[in-house]
Amino acid sequence: MEKETRNSIILFLILSFVPMWVFSYIYYIMKSDTILLVMMLLPAVASVITRVVRNEGFERMLLRPHLRRNLKWYFTAYFAPPFIAYFGAAVYFLIFGSDFSPLQSAFAIQESIISTSELLKTLCILIPLAIIVNPIMGMIQCFGEELGWRGYLLPKIGEKLSPLSASIFTGVIWGLWHAPIIAMGYNYGTNNPIAGIFAMTVFCTVLGIISGFLTYKVRSIWPAVLFHASINGMDRWAPSTLFMSKKPNMFLGPDLLGFIGGLGFIIIDVVLIMNMRKWKKGEI
């Protein structure tokens, strides 16, 4: 890797990681959703500052949507994640059938639902609306992350590595970036922070391959933004909230953060890896 590129990557990572540690500590104290929003914007800010300091300009930010002939990828990025996630949830409940108790779930109790037919009717209305609306609510935050990870770091690493390798490395770094807030108990709890950081890194690497594929395929960050927003939108209607009465095992499932819960995305990764390994190195 050329010295100039390496120095740019190092500066970008410093500007992304150091503030993340600071804001993670602030979040640990305040538990404010506003802090989470600021944290998700940090990679975008880091990429802009790096471009200014390194005098790189703003031409290669991958902001052009390239909609022509790519609408299928936008549609897939936005609508496919919930179906993939619920595939993993279905596998989990097939294995751990005793955990499936929808009428005793937090959702059923909150909505005062007492019958299976009423629950099905409610979910048939709720889930389609959630698939359409929830990602929109997180679009700005996800743009903040993707402008940094897929809009800056991925092309930089891709200058010397294949698209597949660049996507994997970017995913690993993306996962490690979450380390401080994961260590403080976000997503995986405080019982085993090291395992939580490892699980989050694996999770981000799995998603990073998909995000990298979309970015290279469309030559734009926008499909990755939609994909990211669709994933985050599921936090509001996770399988454990809808179908379980007890606290889920976040390392296992049924939510997509767990190994079984995220099984659908792992299968997608296998397919994409077989495809991307044939791609030659080239600029986005």
Protein backbone atom coordinates (compact mmCIF):
# COMPACT_ATOMS: atom_id res chain seq x y z
CA MET A 1 0.00 0.00 0.00
CA GLU A 2 1.40 3.37 -0.97
CA LYS A 3 2.52 5.67 1.83
CA GLU A 4 0.02 8.41 0.96
CA THR A 5 -2.91 6.01 1.05
CA ARG A 6 -1.69 4.41 4.27
CA ASN A 7 -1.33 7.79 5.96
CA SER A 8 -4.83 8.80 4.87
CA ILE A 9 -6.29 5.57 6.27
CA ILE A 10 -4.43 6.03 9.56
CA LEU A 11 -5.70 9.59 9.95
CA PHE A 12 -9.25 8.54 9.12
CA LEU A 13 -9.13 5.72 11.69
CA ILE A 14 -7.75 8.01 14.40
CA LEU A 15 -10.48 10.57 13.71
CA SER A 16 -13.12 7.80 13.79
CA PHE A 17 -11.96 5.74 16.75
CA VAL A 18 -10.80 8.34 19.30
CA PRO A 19 -14.07 10.33 19.36
CA MET A 20 -15.95 7.01 19.49
CA TRP A 21 -14.24 6.19 22.79
CA VAL A 22 -15.10 9.62 24.17
CA PHE A 23 -18.76 9.53 23.14
CA SER A 24 -19.14 5.93 24.31
CA TYR A 25 -18.12 7.02 27.78
CA ILE A 26 -20.55 9.94 27.62
CA TYR A 27 -23.31 7.55 26.54
CA TYR A 28 -22.43 5.19 29.41
CA ILE A 29 -23.04 8.06 31.83
CA MET A 30 -26.04 9.76 30.18
CA LYS A 31 -27.77 6.89 28.28
CA SER A 32 -29.01 9.44 25.74
CA ASP A 33 -30.21 8.48 22.26
CA THR A 34 -28.83 11.81 21.04
CA ILE A 35 -25.34 10.57 21.88
CA LEU A 36 -25.96 7.46 19.78
CA LEU A 37 -26.94 9.66 16.85
CA VAL A 38 -23.76 11.71 17.19
CA MET A 39 -21.66 8.54 17.36
CA MET A 40 -23.09 7.24 14.09
CA LEU A 41 -22.14 10.51 12.37
CA LEU A 42 -18.49 10.27 13.45
CA PRO A 43 -17.23 8.25 10.43
CA ALA A 44 -18.71 10.81 8.03
CA VAL A 45 -17.08 13.68 9.92
CA ALA A 46 -13.78 11.78 9.98
CA SER A 47 -13.90 11.20 6.22
CA VAL A 48 -14.58 14.88 5.49
CA ILE A 49 -11.79 16.10 7.79
CA THR A 50 -9.38 13.56 6.32
CA ARG A 51 -10.18 14.71 2.79
CA VAL A 52 -9.54 18.33 3.80
CA VAL A 53 -6.34 17.67 5.73
CA ARG A 54 -4.95 15.33 3.09
CA ASN A 55 -6.09 17.64 0.27
CA GLU A 56 -7.92 14.78 -1.47
CA GLY A 57 -10.99 16.69 -2.59
CA PHE A 58 -14.58 15.48 -2.58
CA GLU A 59 -14.97 13.88 -5.99
CA ARG A 60 -14.76 10.22 -4.96
CA MET A 61 -17.40 10.15 -2.25
CA LEU A 62 -19.66 7.70 -4.13
CA LEU A 63 -22.67 9.97 -3.65
CA ARG A 64 -24.08 9.59 -7.16
CA PRO A 65 -26.91 7.07 -6.90
CA HIS A 66 -26.53 5.55 -10.41
CA LEU A 67 -30.19 4.55 -10.36
CA ARG A 68 -30.34 3.47 -13.98
CA ARG A 69 -30.17 -0.33 -14.19
CA ASN A 70 -29.56 -0.53 -10.44
CA LEU A 71 -33.05 -0.14 -9.01
CA LYS A 72 -33.15 -3.87 -8.23
CA TRP A 73 -30.20 -3.47 -5.87
CA TYR A 74 -31.86 -0.53 -4.10
CA PHE A 75 -35.09 -2.49 -3.77
CA THR A 76 -33.23 -5.54 -2.45
CA ALA A 77 -31.14 -3.52 0.02
CA TYR A 78 -34.24 -1.89 1.47
CA PHE A 79 -36.74 -4.75 1.59
CA ALA A 80 -34.74 -8.01 1.78
CA PRO A 81 -33.07 -7.71 5.25
CA PRO A 82 -36.24 -8.33 7.32
CA PHE A 83 -37.02 -11.51 5.37
CA ILE A 84 -33.43 -12.73 5.70
CA ALA A 85 -33.48 -11.95 9.41
CA TYR A 86 -36.75 -13.78 9.98
CA PHE A 87 -35.35 -16.82 8.21
CA GLY A 88 -32.73 -16.99 10.96
CA ALA A 89 -35.39 -16.46 13.61
CA ALA A 90 -37.46 -19.30 12.14
CA VAL A 91 -34.45 -21.63 12.27
CA TYR A 92 -33.85 -20.61 15.89
CA PHE A 93 -37.42 -21.37 16.94
CA LEU A 94 -37.32 -24.72 15.09
CA ILE A 95 -34.33 -25.64 17.25
CA PHE A 96 -35.52 -24.02 20.48
CA GLY A 97 -39.27 -24.50 20.19
CA SER A 98 -39.87 -23.94 23.90
CA ASP A 99 -38.72 -20.32 23.50
CA PHE A 100 -41.57 -19.58 21.09
CA SER A 101 -44.28 -17.95 23.21
CA PRO A 102 -45.80 -15.08 21.20
CA LEU A 103 -48.86 -14.59 23.44
CA GLN A 104 -46.54 -14.03 26.41
CA SER A 105 -44.15 -11.77 24.51
CA ALA A 106 -43.42 -8.17 25.45
CA PHE A 107 -45.31 -7.05 22.35
CA ALA A 108 -48.44 -9.06 23.13
CA ILE A 109 -48.49 -7.88 26.74
CA GLN A 110 -47.97 -4.25 25.74
CA GLU A 111 -50.78 -4.42 23.17
CA SER A 112 -53.06 -6.49 25.48
CA ILE A 113 -53.31 -9.27 22.88
CA ILE A 114 -54.75 -12.51 24.25
CA SER A 115 -55.49 -14.65 21.18
CA THR A 116 -53.45 -16.05 18.31
CA SER A 117 -55.86 -14.72 15.69
CA GLU A 118 -55.64 -11.20 17.12
CA LEU A 119 -51.86 -11.41 17.20
CA LEU A 120 -51.67 -12.56 13.57
CA LYS A 121 -54.02 -9.79 12.47
CA THR A 122 -51.95 -7.17 14.29
CA LEU A 123 -48.63 -8.45 12.93
CA CYS A 124 -49.98 -8.57 9.37
CA ILE A 125 -50.60 -4.85 9.68
CA LEU A 126 -47.57 -3.90 11.78
CA ILE A 127 -44.76 -5.73 10.00
CA PRO A 128 -45.40 -4.43 6.45
CA LEU A 129 -45.66 -0.89 7.82
CA ALA A 130 -42.48 -1.35 9.86
CA ILE A 131 -40.58 -2.68 6.82
CA ILE A 132 -41.51 0.44 4.87
CA VAL A 133 -41.32 3.13 7.56
CA ASN A 134 -38.69 2.13 10.14
CA PRO A 135 -35.62 2.37 7.87
CA ILE A 136 -36.54 5.94 6.92
CA MET A 137 -36.27 6.96 10.58
CA GLY A 138 -32.62 5.92 10.70
CA MET A 139 -31.46 7.07 7.29
CA ILE A 140 -29.40 10.05 8.49
CA GLN A 141 -27.48 8.02 11.07
CA CYS A 142 -26.76 5.24 8.60
CA PHE A 143 -25.60 7.74 6.00
CA GLY A 144 -23.19 9.07 8.63
CA GLU A 145 -21.60 5.65 9.04
CA GLU A 146 -21.65 4.59 5.40
CA LEU A 147 -20.10 7.83 4.11
CA GLY A 148 -17.11 6.89 6.24
CA TRP A 149 -16.89 3.11 5.97
CA ARG A 150 -18.08 2.44 2.42
CA GLY A 151 -17.62 5.95 1.03
CA TYR A 152 -14.05 6.45 2.20
CA LEU A 153 -12.36 3.46 3.85
CA LEU A 154 -13.56 0.77 1.41
CA PRO A 155 -12.25 2.54 -1.73
CA LYS A 156 -8.97 3.34 0.05
CA ILE A 157 -8.34 -0.26 1.05
CA GLY A 158 -9.59 -1.33 -2.38
CA GLU A 159 -6.75 0.54 -4.06
CA LYS A 160 -4.46 -2.38 -3.18
CA LEU A 161 -6.79 -5.26 -2.29
CA SER A 162 -9.50 -7.13 -4.15
CA PRO A 163 -13.12 -6.03 -3.66
CA LEU A 164 -13.77 -9.08 -1.47
CA SER A 165 -10.72 -8.52 0.73
CA ALA A 166 -11.45 -4.80 0.98
CA SER A 167 -15.04 -5.53 2.02
CA ILE A 168 -13.90 -8.01 4.68
CA PHE A 169 -11.23 -5.70 6.11
CA THR A 170 -13.64 -2.77 6.17
CA GLY A 171 -16.21 -4.93 7.96
CA VAL A 172 -13.68 -5.99 10.61
CA ILE A 173 -12.64 -2.38 11.24
CA TRP A 174 -16.29 -1.33 11.35
CA GLY A 175 -16.93 -3.99 13.99
CA LEU A 176 -13.92 -3.02 16.11
CA TRP A 177 -15.03 0.61 15.96
CA HIS A 178 -18.05 -0.46 18.05
CA ALA A 179 -15.78 -2.00 20.73
CA PRO A 180 -16.05 0.68 23.43
CA ILE A 181 -19.83 0.87 23.47
CA ILE A 182 -20.13 -2.93 23.21
CA ALA A 183 -17.71 -3.28 26.15
CA MET A 184 -20.01 -1.01 28.15
CA GLY A 185 -22.93 -3.40 27.61
CA TYR A 186 -24.66 -2.21 24.44
CA ASN A 187 -26.25 -5.09 22.43
CA TYR A 188 -24.59 -7.99 24.28
CA GLY A 189 -24.69 -6.96 27.95
CA THR A 190 -21.86 -6.59 30.46
CA ASN A 191 -21.29 -10.22 31.49
CA ASN A 192 -18.66 -10.93 28.83
CA PRO A 193 -17.47 -7.77 27.05
CA ILE A 194 -14.67 -9.54 25.16
CA ALA A 195 -17.12 -12.04 23.68
CA GLY A 196 -19.45 -9.15 22.88
CA ILE A 197 -16.75 -7.29 20.97
CA PHE A 198 -15.84 -10.47 19.08
CA ALA A 199 -19.49 -11.17 18.22
CA MET A 200 -20.04 -7.59 17.05
CA THR A 201 -16.93 -7.75 14.88
CA VAL A 202 -18.13 -10.97 13.26
CA PHE A 203 -21.61 -9.47 12.79
CA CYS A 204 -20.21 -6.33 11.12
CA THR A 205 -17.91 -8.40 8.93
CA VAL A 206 -20.86 -10.49 7.73
CA LEU A 207 -22.84 -7.33 6.96
CA GLY A 208 -19.72 -5.63 5.61
CA ILE A 209 -19.38 -8.19 2.83
CA ILE A 210 -22.96 -7.50 1.74
CA SER A 211 -22.48 -3.73 2.02
CA GLY A 212 -19.22 -3.96 0.09
CA PHE A 213 -20.89 -6.01 -2.63
CA LEU A 214 -23.66 -3.42 -2.99
CA THR A 215 -21.18 -0.54 -3.05
CA TYR A 216 -18.98 -2.11 -5.72
CA LYS A 217 -21.97 -3.28 -7.74
CA VAL A 218 -23.68 0.12 -7.88
CA ARG A 219 -20.56 2.28 -7.35
CA SER A 220 -22.49 4.28 -4.80
CA ILE A 221 -22.90 4.26 -1.02
CA TRP A 222 -26.69 4.61 -1.19
CA PRO A 223 -27.59 0.90 -1.44
CA ALA A 224 -25.38 0.28 1.62
CA VAL A 225 -27.14 3.15 3.43
CA LEU A 226 -30.54 1.58 2.69
CA PHE A 227 -29.30 -1.86 3.73
CA HIS A 228 -27.87 -0.47 6.98
CA ALA A 229 -31.07 1.45 7.73
CA SER A 230 -33.19 -1.61 7.07
CA ILE A 231 -31.06 -3.67 9.48
CA ASN A 232 -31.23 -1.02 12.20
CA GLY A 233 -34.97 -0.61 11.65
CA MET A 234 -35.50 -4.14 12.94
CA ASP A 235 -34.48 -3.06 16.45
CA ARG A 236 -38.02 -1.74 16.85
CA TRP A 237 -39.64 -5.10 16.09
CA ALA A 238 -37.04 -7.76 16.82
CA PRO A 239 -38.16 -11.42 16.79
CA SER A 240 -37.48 -11.72 20.52
CA THR A 241 -39.84 -8.81 21.23
CA LEU A 242 -42.63 -10.30 19.13
CA PHE A 243 -42.30 -14.00 19.89
CA MET A 244 -40.50 -14.58 23.21
CA SER A 245 -41.44 -14.11 26.85
CA LYS A 246 -37.91 -14.35 28.20
CA LYS A 247 -34.75 -12.42 27.52
CA PRO A 248 -33.00 -13.66 24.35
CA ASN A 249 -29.47 -14.96 24.09
CA MET A 250 -27.95 -12.18 22.01
CA PHE A 251 -25.03 -14.41 21.00
CA LEU A 252 -27.35 -17.08 19.62
CA GLY A 253 -30.75 -15.70 18.55
CA PRO A 254 -33.48 -15.31 17.53
CA ASP A 255 -32.45 -11.71 16.84
CA LEU A 256 -30.07 -11.15 13.95
CA LEU A 257 -27.16 -10.25 16.24
CA GLY A 258 -26.93 -13.92 17.21
CA PHE A 259 -25.26 -16.68 15.20
CA ILE A 260 -28.49 -18.55 14.44
CA GLY A 261 -30.53 -15.36 14.14
CA GLY A 262 -28.06 -14.07 11.56
CA LEU A 263 -27.81 -17.38 9.69
CA GLY A 264 -29.59 -16.00 6.63
CA PHE A 265 -26.98 -13.28 6.22
CA ILE A 266 -24.18 -15.82 6.59
CA ILE A 267 -25.70 -17.88 3.76
CA ILE A 268 -25.95 -14.73 1.61
CA ASP A 269 -22.28 -14.07 2.39
CA VAL A 270 -21.27 -17.51 1.14
CA VAL A 271 -23.03 -16.85 -2.16
CA LEU A 272 -21.49 -13.37 -2.49
CA ILE A 273 -18.01 -14.61 -1.63
CA MET A 274 -18.21 -17.17 -4.43
CA ASN A 275 -19.14 -14.33 -6.76
CA MET A 276 -16.79 -11.62 -5.49
CA ARG A 277 -13.71 -13.82 -5.38
CA LYS A 278 -13.75 -13.66 -9.18
CA TRP A 279 -13.77 -9.86 -9.20
CA LYS A 280 -10.49 -8.21 -10.08
CA LYS A 281 -8.99 -5.29 -8.20
CA GLY A 282 -10.20 -1.94 -9.47
CA GLU A 283 -11.29 1.44 -8.28
CA ILE A 284 -14.91 2.01 -7.35
